[in-house]
Amino acid sequence: MTALTIRPSLLDDDIVSAFEREKSLFMARNKERCSHLLVRFGPDAADETFAISAAFTLDEARNWHQAEVTVPFKELRREDGPDRSLISAFGELDEGISAARIARLFAPLSVAQRMAGGRRD
């Protein structure tokens, strides 16, 4: 699922198509890792950077986490196109999801988990 929070005039067709392509690949890569995944994006207040955030859950309890990254618009408008910047940005979001998964493994058990024999659901 994606939330569109940007004025279309800020993005040309090359940026939009590259973003949609990279977002699709990101969603496919994380389909198995995240039980729920929402990608949001939009400009900062000064219209200088493009923010992309991924809100996600790692379990059915829906404990939400978020990773975000910003890309300067000048990087998206480079002569060689926006692909490299967007690939890097979605790679950073992948790393954020991985970090949340690792942190979850080392988090203290809740009372309910301890009573259930130390299982992490």
PDB file of N, CA and C in Angstrom:
ATOM      1  N   MET A   1       0.845  -1.162   0.000  1.00  0.00           N
ATOM      2  CA  MET A   1       0.000   0.000   0.000  1.00  0.00           C
ATOM      3  C   MET A   1       0.894   1.229   0.000  1.00  0.00           C
ATOM      4  N   THR A   2       0.505   2.262  -0.713  1.00  0.00           N
ATOM      5  CA  THR A   2       1.273   3.491  -0.795  1.00  0.00           C
ATOM      6  C   THR A   2       0.361   4.678  -0.570  1.00  0.00           C
ATOM      7  N   ALA A   3       0.843   5.652   0.180  1.00  0.00           N
ATOM      8  CA  ALA A   3       0.103   6.893   0.376  1.00  0.00           C
ATOM      9  C   ALA A   3       0.780   7.972  -0.452  1.00  0.00           C
ATOM     10  N   LEU A   4       0.028   8.650  -1.291  1.00  0.00           N
ATOM     11  CA  LEU A   4       0.570   9.710  -2.126  1.00  0.00           C
ATOM     12  C   LEU A   4       0.376  11.037  -1.416  1.00  0.00           C
ATOM     13  N   THR A   5       1.487  11.674  -1.029  1.00  0.00           N
ATOM     14  CA  THR A   5       1.409  12.932  -0.300  1.00  0.00           C
ATOM     15  C   THR A   5       2.290  13.985  -0.955  1.00  0.00           C
ATOM     16  N   ILE A   6       2.287  14.040  -2.257  1.00  0.00           N
ATOM     17  CA  ILE A   6       3.188  14.948  -2.958  1.00  0.00           C
ATOM     18  C   ILE A   6       2.451  15.654  -4.082  1.00  0.00           C
ATOM     19  N   ARG A   7       2.872  16.872  -4.344  1.00  0.00           N
ATOM     20  CA  ARG A   7       2.308  17.606  -5.473  1.00  0.00           C
ATOM     21  C   ARG A   7       2.968  17.095  -6.750  1.00  0.00           C
ATOM     22  N   PRO A   8       2.197  16.592  -7.694  1.00  0.00           N
ATOM     23  CA  PRO A   8       2.774  15.989  -8.900  1.00  0.00           C
ATOM     24  C   PRO A   8       3.699  16.915  -9.678  1.00  0.00           C
ATOM     25  N   SER A   9       3.505  18.237  -9.579  1.00  0.00           N
ATOM     26  CA  SER A   9       4.335  19.162 -10.348  1.00  0.00           C
ATOM     27  C   SER A   9       5.807  19.107  -9.937  1.00  0.00           C
ATOM     28  N   LEU A  10       6.109  18.587  -8.747  1.00  0.00           N
ATOM     29  CA  LEU A  10       7.499  18.497  -8.301  1.00  0.00           C
ATOM     30  C   LEU A  10       8.249  17.347  -8.966  1.00  0.00           C
ATOM     31  N   LEU A  11       7.533  16.396  -9.524  1.00  0.00           N
ATOM     32  CA  LEU A  11       8.175  15.210 -10.083  1.00  0.00           C
ATOM     33  C   LEU A  11       7.900  15.094 -11.573  1.00  0.00           C
ATOM     34  N   ASP A  12       8.954  14.803 -12.329  1.00  0.00           N
ATOM     35  CA  ASP A  12       8.728  14.546 -13.748  1.00  0.00           C
ATOM     36  C   ASP A  12       8.460  13.056 -13.947  1.00  0.00           C
ATOM     37  N   ASP A  13       8.131  12.682 -15.160  1.00  0.00           N
ATOM     38  CA  ASP A  13       7.754  11.293 -15.452  1.00  0.00           C
ATOM     39  C   ASP A  13       8.875  10.295 -15.164  1.00  0.00           C
ATOM     40  N   ASP A  14      10.138  10.691 -15.413  1.00  0.00           N
ATOM     41  CA  ASP A  14      11.262   9.785 -15.140  1.00  0.00           C
ATOM     42  C   ASP A  14      11.354   9.454 -13.655  1.00  0.00           C
ATOM     43  N   ILE A  15      11.180  10.455 -12.812  1.00  0.00           N
ATOM     44  CA  ILE A  15      11.256  10.237 -11.366  1.00  0.00           C
ATOM     45  C   ILE A  15      10.090   9.378 -10.902  1.00  0.00           C
ATOM     46  N   VAL A  16       8.898   9.678 -11.387  1.00  0.00           N
ATOM     47  CA  VAL A  16       7.717   8.912 -10.980  1.00  0.00           C
ATOM     48  C   VAL A  16       7.854   7.450 -11.386  1.00  0.00           C
ATOM     49  N   SER A  17       8.269   7.188 -12.620  1.00  0.00           N
ATOM     50  CA  SER A  17       8.371   5.791 -13.057  1.00  0.00           C
ATOM     51  C   SER A  17       9.494   5.064 -12.318  1.00  0.00           C
ATOM     52  N   ALA A  18      10.623   5.729 -12.072  1.00  0.00           N
ATOM     53  CA  ALA A  18      11.712   5.096 -11.317  1.00  0.00           C
ATOM     54  C   ALA A  18      11.273   4.824  -9.881  1.00  0.00           C
ATOM     55  N   PHE A  19      10.556   5.773  -9.293  1.00  0.00           N
ATOM     56  CA  PHE A  19      10.074   5.575  -7.928  1.00  0.00           C
ATOM     57  C   PHE A  19       9.121   4.384  -7.866  1.00  0.00           C
ATOM     58  N   GLU A  20       8.165   4.324  -8.762  1.00  0.00           N
ATOM     59  CA  GLU A  20       7.196   3.221  -8.761  1.00  0.00           C
ATOM     60  C   GLU A  20       7.885   1.872  -8.966  1.00  0.00           C
ATOM     61  N   ARG A  21       8.874   1.836  -9.838  1.00  0.00           N
ATOM     62  CA  ARG A  21       9.616   0.596 -10.084  1.00  0.00           C
ATOM     63  C   ARG A  21      10.366   0.158  -8.821  1.00  0.00           C
ATOM     64  N   GLU A  22      11.100   1.071  -8.208  1.00  0.00           N
ATOM     65  CA  GLU A  22      11.877   0.724  -7.009  1.00  0.00           C
ATOM     66  C   GLU A  22      10.973   0.403  -5.827  1.00  0.00           C
ATOM     67  N   LYS A  23       9.850   1.110  -5.719  1.00  0.00           N
ATOM     68  CA  LYS A  23       8.898   0.826  -4.639  1.00  0.00           C
ATOM     69  C   LYS A  23       8.322  -0.573  -4.806  1.00  0.00           C
ATOM     70  N   SER A  24       8.002  -0.944  -6.028  1.00  0.00           N
ATOM     71  CA  SER A  24       7.469  -2.285  -6.304  1.00  0.00           C
ATOM     72  C   SER A  24       8.473  -3.365  -5.926  1.00  0.00           C
ATOM     73  N   LEU A  25       9.723  -3.167  -6.303  1.00  0.00           N
ATOM     74  CA  LEU A  25      10.769  -4.132  -5.961  1.00  0.00           C
ATOM     75  C   LEU A  25      10.956  -4.216  -4.446  1.00  0.00           C
ATOM     76  N   PHE A  26      10.924  -3.076  -3.775  1.00  0.00           N
ATOM     77  CA  PHE A  26      11.058  -3.029  -2.316  1.00  0.00           C
ATOM     78  C   PHE A  26       9.916  -3.786  -1.643  1.00  0.00           C
ATOM     79  N   MET A  27       8.696  -3.542  -2.102  1.00  0.00           N
ATOM     80  CA  MET A  27       7.532  -4.221  -1.518  1.00  0.00           C
ATOM     81  C   MET A  27       7.650  -5.734  -1.735  1.00  0.00           C
ATOM     82  N   ALA A  28       8.074  -6.151  -2.917  1.00  0.00           N
ATOM     83  CA  ALA A  28       8.218  -7.584  -3.205  1.00  0.00           C
ATOM     84  C   ALA A  28       9.302  -8.219  -2.331  1.00  0.00           C
ATOM     85  N   ARG A  29      10.428  -7.502  -2.156  1.00  0.00           N
ATOM     86  CA  ARG A  29      11.520  -8.038  -1.324  1.00  0.00           C
ATOM     87  C   ARG A  29      11.092  -8.234   0.126  1.00  0.00           C
ATOM     88  N   ASN A  30      10.194  -7.396   0.597  1.00  0.00           N
ATOM     89  CA  ASN A  30       9.845  -7.414   2.016  1.00  0.00           C
ATOM     90  C   ASN A  30       8.493  -8.043   2.307  1.00  0.00           C
ATOM     91  N   LYS A  31       7.883  -8.641   1.299  1.00  0.00           N
ATOM     92  CA  LYS A  31       6.566  -9.264   1.468  1.00  0.00           C
ATOM     93  C   LYS A  31       6.581 -10.356   2.528  1.00  0.00           C
ATOM     94  N   GLU A  32       7.618 -11.162   2.553  1.00  0.00           N
ATOM     95  CA  GLU A  32       7.714 -12.261   3.515  1.00  0.00           C
ATOM     96  C   GLU A  32       8.178 -11.786   4.890  1.00  0.00           C
ATOM     97  N   ARG A  33       8.977 -10.732   4.919  1.00  0.00           N
ATOM     98  CA  ARG A  33       9.538 -10.256   6.193  1.00  0.00           C
ATOM     99  C   ARG A  33       8.555  -9.431   7.008  1.00  0.00           C
ATOM    100  N   CYS A  34       7.658  -8.731   6.353  1.00  0.00           N
ATOM    101  CA  CYS A  34       6.754  -7.805   7.042  1.00  0.00           C
ATOM    102  C   CYS A  34       5.311  -8.257   6.865  1.00  0.00           C
ATOM    103  N   SER A  35       4.600  -8.384   7.988  1.00  0.00           N
ATOM    104  CA  SER A  35       3.197  -8.782   7.862  1.00  0.00           C
ATOM    105  C   SER A  35       2.344  -7.627   7.332  1.00  0.00           C
ATOM    106  N   HIS A  36       2.753  -6.398   7.590  1.00  0.00           N
ATOM    107  CA  HIS A  36       2.097  -5.208   7.043  1.00  0.00           C
ATOM    108  C   HIS A  36       3.194  -4.232   6.639  1.00  0.00           C
ATOM    109  N   LEU A  37       3.009  -3.565   5.496  1.00  0.00           N
ATOM    110  CA  LEU A  37       4.024  -2.643   4.995  1.00  0.00           C
ATOM    111  C   LEU A  37       3.338  -1.501   4.263  1.00  0.00           C
ATOM    112  N   LEU A  38       3.666  -0.278   4.656  1.00  0.00           N
ATOM    113  CA  LEU A  38       3.103   0.924   4.047  1.00  0.00           C
ATOM    114  C   LEU A  38       4.249   1.847   3.669  1.00  0.00           C
ATOM    115  N   VAL A  39       4.290   2.280   2.422  1.00  0.00           N
ATOM    116  CA  VAL A  39       5.309   3.220   1.966  1.00  0.00           C
ATOM    117  C   VAL A  39       4.643   4.575   1.769  1.00  0.00           C
ATOM    118  N   ARG A  40       5.224   5.585   2.414  1.00  0.00           N
ATOM    119  CA  ARG A  40       4.731   6.963   2.260  1.00  0.00           C
ATOM    120  C   ARG A  40       5.869   7.817   1.732  1.00  0.00           C
ATOM    121  N   PHE A  41       5.518   8.876   1.020  1.00  0.00           N
ATOM    122  CA  PHE A  41       6.556   9.729   0.463  1.00  0.00           C
ATOM    123  C   PHE A  41       6.023  11.127   0.239  1.00  0.00           C
ATOM    124  N   GLY A  42       6.936  12.078   0.152  1.00  0.00           N
ATOM    125  CA  GLY A  42       6.565  13.457  -0.107  1.00  0.00           C
ATOM    126  C   GLY A  42       7.751  14.381   0.103  1.00  0.00           C
ATOM    127  N   PRO A  43       7.599  15.646  -0.279  1.00  0.00           N
ATOM    128  CA  PRO A  43       8.686  16.618  -0.128  1.00  0.00           C
ATOM    129  C   PRO A  43       8.754  17.147   1.301  1.00  0.00           C
ATOM    130  N   ASP A  44       9.923  17.701   1.657  1.00  0.00           N
ATOM    131  CA  ASP A  44      10.016  18.393   2.938  1.00  0.00           C
ATOM    132  C   ASP A  44       9.337  19.756   2.803  1.00  0.00           C
ATOM    133  N   ALA A  45       9.302  20.506   3.882  1.00  0.00           N
ATOM    134  CA  ALA A  45       8.594  21.793   3.885  1.00  0.00           C
ATOM    135  C   ALA A  45       9.172  22.776   2.873  1.00  0.00           C
ATOM    136  N   ALA A  46      10.465  22.723   2.634  1.00  0.00           N
ATOM    137  CA  ALA A  46      11.109  23.655   1.709  1.00  0.00           C
ATOM    138  C   ALA A  46      11.198  23.109   0.285  1.00  0.00           C
ATOM    139  N   ASP A  47      10.628  21.939   0.036  1.00  0.00           N
ATOM    140  CA  ASP A  47      10.686  21.293  -1.282  1.00  0.00           C
ATOM    141  C   ASP A  47      12.120  21.078  -1.771  1.00  0.00           C
ATOM    142  N   GLU A  48      13.035  20.775  -0.836  1.00  0.00           N
ATOM    143  CA  GLU A  48      14.428  20.527  -1.207  1.00  0.00           C
ATOM    144  C   GLU A  48      14.776  19.043  -1.204  1.00  0.00           C
ATOM    145  N   THR A  49      14.081  18.271  -0.378  1.00  0.00           N
ATOM    146  CA  THR A  49      14.348  16.836  -0.324  1.00  0.00           C
ATOM    147  C   THR A  49      13.048  16.057  -0.456  1.00  0.00           C
ATOM    148  N   PHE A  50      13.206  14.840  -0.888  1.00  0.00           N
ATOM    149  CA  PHE A  50      12.100  13.913  -1.088  1.00  0.00           C
ATOM    150  C   PHE A  50      12.218  12.861   0.008  1.00  0.00           C
ATOM    151  N   ALA A  51      11.235  12.795   0.890  1.00  0.00           N
ATOM    152  CA  ALA A  51      11.265  11.852   2.012  1.00  0.00           C
ATOM    153  C   ALA A  51      10.484  10.597   1.649  1.00  0.00           C
ATOM    154  N   ILE A  52      11.056   9.451   1.982  1.00  0.00           N
ATOM    155  CA  ILE A  52      10.385   8.163   1.783  1.00  0.00           C
ATOM    156  C   ILE A  52      10.417   7.448   3.125  1.00  0.00           C
ATOM    157  N   SER A  53       9.262   6.993   3.584  1.00  0.00           N
ATOM    158  CA  SER A  53       9.236   6.239   4.840  1.00  0.00           C
ATOM    159  C   SER A  53       8.504   4.925   4.629  1.00  0.00           C
ATOM    160  N   ALA A  54       8.947   3.940   5.373  1.00  0.00           N
ATOM    161  CA  ALA A  54       8.310   2.625   5.357  1.00  0.00           C
ATOM    162  C   ALA A  54       7.852   2.331   6.777  1.00  0.00           C
ATOM    163  N   ALA A  55       6.551   2.189   6.959  1.00  0.00           N
ATOM    164  CA  ALA A  55       5.988   1.760   8.238  1.00  0.00           C
ATOM    165  C   ALA A  55       5.678   0.276   8.077  1.00  0.00           C
ATOM    166  N   PHE A  56       6.069  -0.526   9.070  1.00  0.00           N
ATOM    167  CA  PHE A  56       5.943  -1.970   8.901  1.00  0.00           C
ATOM    168  C   PHE A  56       5.754  -2.669  10.237  1.00  0.00           C
ATOM    169  N   THR A  57       5.182  -3.858  10.163  1.00  0.00           N
ATOM    170  CA  THR A  57       5.084  -4.737  11.329  1.00  0.00           C
ATOM    171  C   THR A  57       5.845  -6.013  11.007  1.00  0.00           C
ATOM    172  N   LEU A  58       6.370  -6.611  12.057  1.00  0.00           N
ATOM    173  CA  LEU A  58       7.140  -7.844  11.885  1.00  0.00           C
ATOM    174  C   LEU A  58       6.412  -9.051  12.439  1.00  0.00           C
ATOM    175  N   ASP A  59       5.246  -8.823  13.011  1.00  0.00           N
ATOM    176  CA  ASP A  59       4.492  -9.918  13.618  1.00  0.00           C
ATOM    177  C   ASP A  59       3.003  -9.612  13.538  1.00  0.00           C
ATOM    178  N   GLU A  60       2.214 -10.585  13.880  1.00  0.00           N
ATOM    179  CA  GLU A  60       0.761 -10.408  13.827  1.00  0.00           C
ATOM    180  C   GLU A  60       0.234  -9.499  14.934  1.00  0.00           C
ATOM    181  N   ALA A  61       1.063  -9.199  15.940  1.00  0.00           N
ATOM    182  CA  ALA A  61       0.642  -8.302  17.020  1.00  0.00           C
ATOM    183  C   ALA A  61       0.580  -6.851  16.539  1.00  0.00           C
ATOM    184  N   ARG A  62       1.056  -6.600  15.345  1.00  0.00           N
ATOM    185  CA  ARG A  62       1.053  -5.273  14.737  1.00  0.00           C
ATOM    186  C   ARG A  62       1.790  -4.230  15.575  1.00  0.00           C
ATOM    187  N   ASN A  63       2.958  -4.590  16.047  1.00  0.00           N
ATOM    188  CA  ASN A  63       3.847  -3.614  16.675  1.00  0.00           C
ATOM    189  C   ASN A  63       4.549  -2.881  15.535  1.00  0.00           C
ATOM    190  N   TRP A  64       4.151  -1.633  15.298  1.00  0.00           N
ATOM    191  CA  TRP A  64       4.628  -0.891  14.140  1.00  0.00           C
ATOM    192  C   TRP A  64       6.024  -0.324  14.363  1.00  0.00           C
ATOM    193  N   HIS A  65       6.808  -0.327  13.303  1.00  0.00           N
ATOM    194  CA  HIS A  65       8.145   0.261  13.265  1.00  0.00           C
ATOM    195  C   HIS A  65       8.171   1.179  12.049  1.00  0.00           C
ATOM    196  N   GLN A  66       9.174   2.052  11.999  1.00  0.00           N
ATOM    197  CA  GLN A  66       9.290   2.923  10.837  1.00  0.00           C
ATOM    198  C   GLN A  66      10.753   3.157  10.501  1.00  0.00           C
ATOM    199  N   ALA A  67      11.042   3.166   9.220  1.00  0.00           N
ATOM    200  CA  ALA A  67      12.360   3.543   8.705  1.00  0.00           C
ATOM    201  C   ALA A  67      12.114   4.644   7.686  1.00  0.00           C
ATOM    202  N   GLU A  68      12.993   5.615   7.659  1.00  0.00           N
ATOM    203  CA  GLU A  68      12.809   6.674   6.668  1.00  0.00           C
ATOM    204  C   GLU A  68      14.141   7.157   6.130  1.00  0.00           C
ATOM    205  N   VAL A  69      14.060   7.745   4.956  1.00  0.00           N
ATOM    206  CA  VAL A  69      15.245   8.242   4.264  1.00  0.00           C
ATOM    207  C   VAL A  69      14.831   9.478   3.468  1.00  0.00           C
ATOM    208  N   THR A  70      15.775  10.385   3.247  1.00  0.00           N
ATOM    209  CA  THR A  70      15.503  11.547   2.401  1.00  0.00           C
ATOM    210  C   THR A  70      16.508  11.572   1.252  1.00  0.00           C
ATOM    211  N   VAL A  71      16.029  12.025   0.124  1.00  0.00           N
ATOM    212  CA  VAL A  71      16.863  12.149  -1.073  1.00  0.00           C
ATOM    213  C   VAL A  71      16.722  13.585  -1.563  1.00  0.00           C
ATOM    214  N   PRO A  72      17.829  14.310  -1.734  1.00  0.00           N
ATOM    215  CA  PRO A  72      17.728  15.672  -2.268  1.00  0.00           C
ATOM    216  C   PRO A  72      17.137  15.645  -3.686  1.00  0.00           C
ATOM    217  N   PHE A  73      16.252  16.602  -3.973  1.00  0.00           N
ATOM    218  CA  PHE A  73      15.661  16.659  -5.313  1.00  0.00           C
ATOM    219  C   PHE A  73      16.737  16.807  -6.381  1.00  0.00           C
ATOM    220  N   LYS A  74      17.842  17.491  -6.055  1.00  0.00           N
ATOM    221  CA  LYS A  74      18.904  17.641  -7.068  1.00  0.00           C
ATOM    222  C   LYS A  74      19.499  16.282  -7.449  1.00  0.00           C
ATOM    223  N   GLU A  75      19.506  15.321  -6.505  1.00  0.00           N
ATOM    224  CA  GLU A  75      19.978  13.967  -6.823  1.00  0.00           C
ATOM    225  C   GLU A  75      18.999  13.250  -7.756  1.00  0.00           C
ATOM    226  N   LEU A  76      17.711  13.488  -7.549  1.00  0.00           N
ATOM    227  CA  LEU A  76      16.702  12.847  -8.400  1.00  0.00           C
ATOM    228  C   LEU A  76      16.705  13.419  -9.811  1.00  0.00           C
ATOM    229  N   ARG A  77      17.167  14.653  -9.939  1.00  0.00           N
ATOM    230  CA  ARG A  77      17.146  15.326 -11.246  1.00  0.00           C
ATOM    231  C   ARG A  77      18.502  15.297 -11.942  1.00  0.00           C
ATOM    232  N   ARG A  78      19.370  14.394 -11.524  1.00  0.00           N
ATOM    233  CA  ARG A  78      20.688  14.284 -12.153  1.00  0.00           C
ATOM    234  C   ARG A  78      20.546  13.922 -13.624  1.00  0.00           C
ATOM    235  N   GLU A  79      21.559  14.255 -14.378  1.00  0.00           N
ATOM    236  CA  GLU A  79      21.538  13.987 -15.813  1.00  0.00           C
ATOM    237  C   GLU A  79      21.406  12.497 -16.122  1.00  0.00           C
ATOM    238  N   ASP A  80      22.016  11.646 -15.283  1.00  0.00           N
ATOM    239  CA  ASP A  80      21.939  10.200 -15.536  1.00  0.00           C
ATOM    240  C   ASP A  80      20.670   9.574 -14.959  1.00  0.00           C
ATOM    241  N   GLY A  81      19.764  10.386 -14.468  1.00  0.00           N
ATOM    242  CA  GLY A  81      18.462   9.897 -14.011  1.00  0.00           C
ATOM    243  C   GLY A  81      18.392   9.653 -12.511  1.00  0.00           C
ATOM    244  N   PRO A  82      17.200   9.353 -12.037  1.00  0.00           N
ATOM    245  CA  PRO A  82      16.965   9.196 -10.600  1.00  0.00           C
ATOM    246  C   PRO A  82      17.210   7.781 -10.069  1.00  0.00           C
ATOM    247  N   ASP A  83      17.479   6.826 -10.957  1.00  0.00           N
ATOM    248  CA  ASP A  83      17.548   5.422 -10.544  1.00  0.00           C
ATOM    249  C   ASP A  83      18.537   5.163  -9.414  1.00  0.00           C
ATOM    250  N   ARG A  84      19.764   5.643  -9.562  1.00  0.00           N
ATOM    251  CA  ARG A  84      20.797   5.359  -8.561  1.00  0.00           C
ATOM    252  C   ARG A  84      20.387   5.878  -7.179  1.00  0.00           C
ATOM    253  N   SER A  85      19.845   7.080  -7.123  1.00  0.00           N
ATOM    254  CA  SER A  85      19.427   7.663  -5.839  1.00  0.00           C
ATOM    255  C   SER A  85      18.289   6.877  -5.213  1.00  0.00           C
ATOM    256  N   LEU A  86      17.336   6.445  -6.016  1.00  0.00           N
ATOM    257  CA  LEU A  86      16.193   5.703  -5.477  1.00  0.00           C
ATOM    258  C   LEU A  86      16.576   4.282  -5.082  1.00  0.00           C
ATOM    259  N   ILE A  87      17.452   3.643  -5.841  1.00  0.00           N
ATOM    260  CA  ILE A  87      17.933   2.309  -5.460  1.00  0.00           C
ATOM    261  C   ILE A  87      18.623   2.392  -4.104  1.00  0.00           C
ATOM    262  N   SER A  88      19.455   3.401  -3.928  1.00  0.00           N
ATOM    263  CA  SER A  88      20.157   3.591  -2.660  1.00  0.00           C
ATOM    264  C   SER A  88      19.175   3.874  -1.521  1.00  0.00           C
ATOM    265  N   ALA A  89      18.177   4.717  -1.777  1.00  0.00           N
ATOM    266  CA  ALA A  89      17.195   5.065  -0.740  1.00  0.00           C
ATOM    267  C   ALA A  89      16.406   3.838  -0.293  1.00  0.00           C
ATOM    268  N   PHE A  90      15.924   3.050  -1.233  1.00  0.00           N
ATOM    269  CA  PHE A  90      15.163   1.857  -0.853  1.00  0.00           C
ATOM    270  C   PHE A  90      16.080   0.805  -0.213  1.00  0.00           C
ATOM    271  N   GLY A  91      17.359   0.803  -0.567  1.00  0.00           N
ATOM    272  CA  GLY A  91      18.321  -0.069   0.110  1.00  0.00           C
ATOM    273  C   GLY A  91      18.466   0.309   1.581  1.00  0.00           C
ATOM    274  N   GLU A  92      18.465   1.608   1.863  1.00  0.00           N
ATOM    275  CA  GLU A  92      18.530   2.063   3.254  1.00  0.00           C
ATOM    276  C   GLU A  92      17.273   1.662   4.018  1.00  0.00           C
ATOM    277  N   LEU A  93      16.121   1.704   3.361  1.00  0.00           N
ATOM    278  CA  LEU A  93      14.888   1.253   4.022  1.00  0.00           C
ATOM    279  C   LEU A  93      14.954  -0.247   4.309  1.00  0.00           C
ATOM    280  N   ASP A  94      15.515  -1.026   3.380  1.00  0.00           N
ATOM    281  CA  ASP A  94      15.730  -2.464   3.627  1.00  0.00           C
ATOM    282  C   ASP A  94      16.588  -2.670   4.871  1.00  0.00           C
ATOM    283  N   GLU A  95      17.650  -1.877   4.991  1.00  0.00           N
ATOM    284  CA  GLU A  95      18.532  -1.977   6.155  1.00  0.00           C
ATOM    285  C   GLU A  95      17.790  -1.611   7.436  1.00  0.00           C
ATOM    286  N   GLY A  96      16.882  -0.638   7.360  1.00  0.00           N
ATOM    287  CA  GLY A  96      16.080  -0.273   8.526  1.00  0.00           C
ATOM    288  C   GLY A  96      15.189  -1.415   8.982  1.00  0.00           C
ATOM    289  N   ILE A  97      14.598  -2.119   8.031  1.00  0.00           N
ATOM    290  CA  ILE A  97      13.762  -3.278   8.378  1.00  0.00           C
ATOM    291  C   ILE A  97      14.627  -4.374   8.997  1.00  0.00           C
ATOM    292  N   SER A  98      15.796  -4.608   8.422  1.00  0.00           N
ATOM    293  CA  SER A  98      16.706  -5.617   8.982  1.00  0.00           C
ATOM    294  C   SER A  98      17.128  -5.249  10.400  1.00  0.00           C
ATOM    295  N   ALA A  99      17.426  -3.982  10.632  1.00  0.00           N
ATOM    296  CA  ALA A  99      17.832  -3.540  11.969  1.00  0.00           C
ATOM    297  C   ALA A  99      16.706  -3.744  12.978  1.00  0.00           C
ATOM    298  N   ALA A 100      15.479  -3.463  12.577  1.00  0.00           N
ATOM    299  CA  ALA A 100      14.335  -3.666  13.482  1.00  0.00           C
ATOM    300  C   ALA A 100      14.155  -5.147  13.796  1.00  0.00           C
ATOM    301  N   ARG A 101      14.370  -6.004  12.807  1.00  0.00           N
ATOM    302  CA  ARG A 101      14.256  -7.454  13.047  1.00  0.00           C
ATOM    303  C   ARG A 101      15.328  -7.929  14.017  1.00  0.00           C
ATOM    304  N   ILE A 102      16.547  -7.441  13.855  1.00  0.00           N
ATOM    305  CA  ILE A 102      17.632  -7.836  14.754  1.00  0.00           C
ATOM    306  C   ILE A 102      17.372  -7.308  16.160  1.00  0.00           C
ATOM    307  N   ALA A 103      16.946  -6.055  16.275  1.00  0.00           N
ATOM    308  CA  ALA A 103      16.663  -5.470  17.594  1.00  0.00           C
ATOM    309  C   ALA A 103      15.583  -6.266  18.311  1.00  0.00           C
ATOM    310  N   ARG A 104      14.621  -6.736  17.563  1.00  0.00           N
ATOM    311  CA  ARG A 104      13.529  -7.516  18.152  1.00  0.00           C
ATOM    312  C   ARG A 104      14.049  -8.814  18.774  1.00  0.00           C
ATOM    313  N   LEU A 105      15.050  -9.409  18.162  1.00  0.00           N
ATOM    314  CA  LEU A 105      15.620 -10.654  18.692  1.00  0.00           C
ATOM    315  C   LEU A 105      16.301 -10.454  20.044  1.00  0.00           C
ATOM    316  N   PHE A 106      16.822  -9.256  20.269  1.00  0.00           N
ATOM    317  CA  PHE A 106      17.550  -8.980  21.504  1.00  0.00           C
ATOM    318  C   PHE A 106      16.732  -8.202  22.530  1.00  0.00           C
ATOM    319  N   ALA A 107      15.486  -7.915  22.206  1.00  0.00           N
ATOM    320  CA  ALA A 107      14.621  -7.187  23.146  1.00  0.00           C
ATOM    321  C   ALA A 107      14.254  -8.095  24.314  1.00  0.00           C
ATOM    322  N   PRO A 108      14.075  -7.510  25.503  1.00  0.00           N
ATOM    323  CA  PRO A 108      13.656  -8.331  26.645  1.00  0.00           C
ATOM    324  C   PRO A 108      12.286  -8.954  26.384  1.00  0.00           C
ATOM    325  N   LEU A 109      12.070 -10.124  26.928  1.00  0.00           N
ATOM    326  CA  LEU A 109      10.775 -10.797  26.786  1.00  0.00           C
ATOM    327  C   LEU A 109       9.726 -10.092  27.635  1.00  0.00           C
ATOM    328  N   SER A 110       8.518 -10.039  27.124  1.00  0.00           N
ATOM    329  CA  SER A 110       7.400  -9.499  27.902  1.00  0.00           C
ATOM    330  C   SER A 110       6.976 -10.537  28.941  1.00  0.00           C
ATOM    331  N   VAL A 111       6.143 -10.119  29.872  1.00  0.00           N
ATOM    332  CA  VAL A 111       5.631 -11.043  30.888  1.00  0.00           C
ATOM    333  C   VAL A 111       4.902 -12.198  30.209  1.00  0.00           C
ATOM    334  N   ALA A 112       4.071 -11.887  29.227  1.00  0.00           N
ATOM    335  CA  ALA A 112       3.311 -12.933  28.527  1.00  0.00           C
ATOM    336  C   ALA A 112       4.250 -13.918  27.828  1.00  0.00           C
ATOM    337  N   GLN A 113       5.328 -13.411  27.225  1.00  0.00           N
ATOM    338  CA  GLN A 113       6.282 -14.295  26.553  1.00  0.00           C
ATOM    339  C   GLN A 113       7.020 -15.180  27.555  1.00  0.00           C
ATOM    340  N   ARG A 114       7.394 -14.605  28.700  1.00  0.00           N
ATOM    341  CA  ARG A 114       8.073 -15.413  29.722  1.00  0.00           C
ATOM    342  C   ARG A 114       7.155 -16.510  30.237  1.00  0.00           C
ATOM    343  N   MET A 115       5.876 -16.183  30.425  1.00  0.00           N
ATOM    344  CA  MET A 115       4.916 -17.175  30.919  1.00  0.00           C
ATOM    345  C   MET A 115       4.670 -18.266  29.880  1.00  0.00           C
ATOM    346  N   ALA A 116       4.827 -17.935  28.601  1.00  0.00           N
ATOM    347  CA  ALA A 116       4.616 -18.913  27.530  1.00  0.00           C
ATOM    348  C   ALA A 116       5.888 -19.711  27.248  1.00  0.00           C
ATOM    349  N   GLY A 117       6.864 -19.588  28.085  1.00  0.00           N
ATOM    350  CA  GLY A 117       8.081 -20.376  27.908  1.00  0.00           C
ATOM    351  C   GLY A 117       9.144 -19.691  27.084  1.00  0.00           C
ATOM    352  N   GLY A 118       9.110 -18.369  27.019  1.00  0.00           N
ATOM    353  CA  GLY A 118      10.157 -17.632  26.328  1.00  0.00           C
ATOM    354  C   GLY A 118      10.032 -17.595  24.827  1.00  0.00           C
ATOM    355  N   ARG A 119       8.856 -17.855  24.286  1.00  0.00           N
ATOM    356  CA  ARG A 119       8.662 -17.829  22.827  1.00  0.00           C
ATOM    357  C   ARG A 119       8.549 -16.392  22.342  1.00  0.00           C
ATOM    358  N   ARG A 120       9.163 -16.134  21.221  1.00  0.00           N
ATOM    359  CA  ARG A 120       8.999 -14.835  20.544  1.00  0.00           C
ATOM    360  C   ARG A 120       8.093 -15.081  19.350  1.00  0.00           C
ATOM    361  N   ASP A 121       6.875 -14.585  19.433  1.00  0.00           N
ATOM    362  CA  ASP A 121       5.918 -14.799  18.339  1.00  0.00           C
ATOM    363  C   ASP A 121       6.167 -13.858  17.211  1.00  0.00           C
TER     364      ASP A 121
END
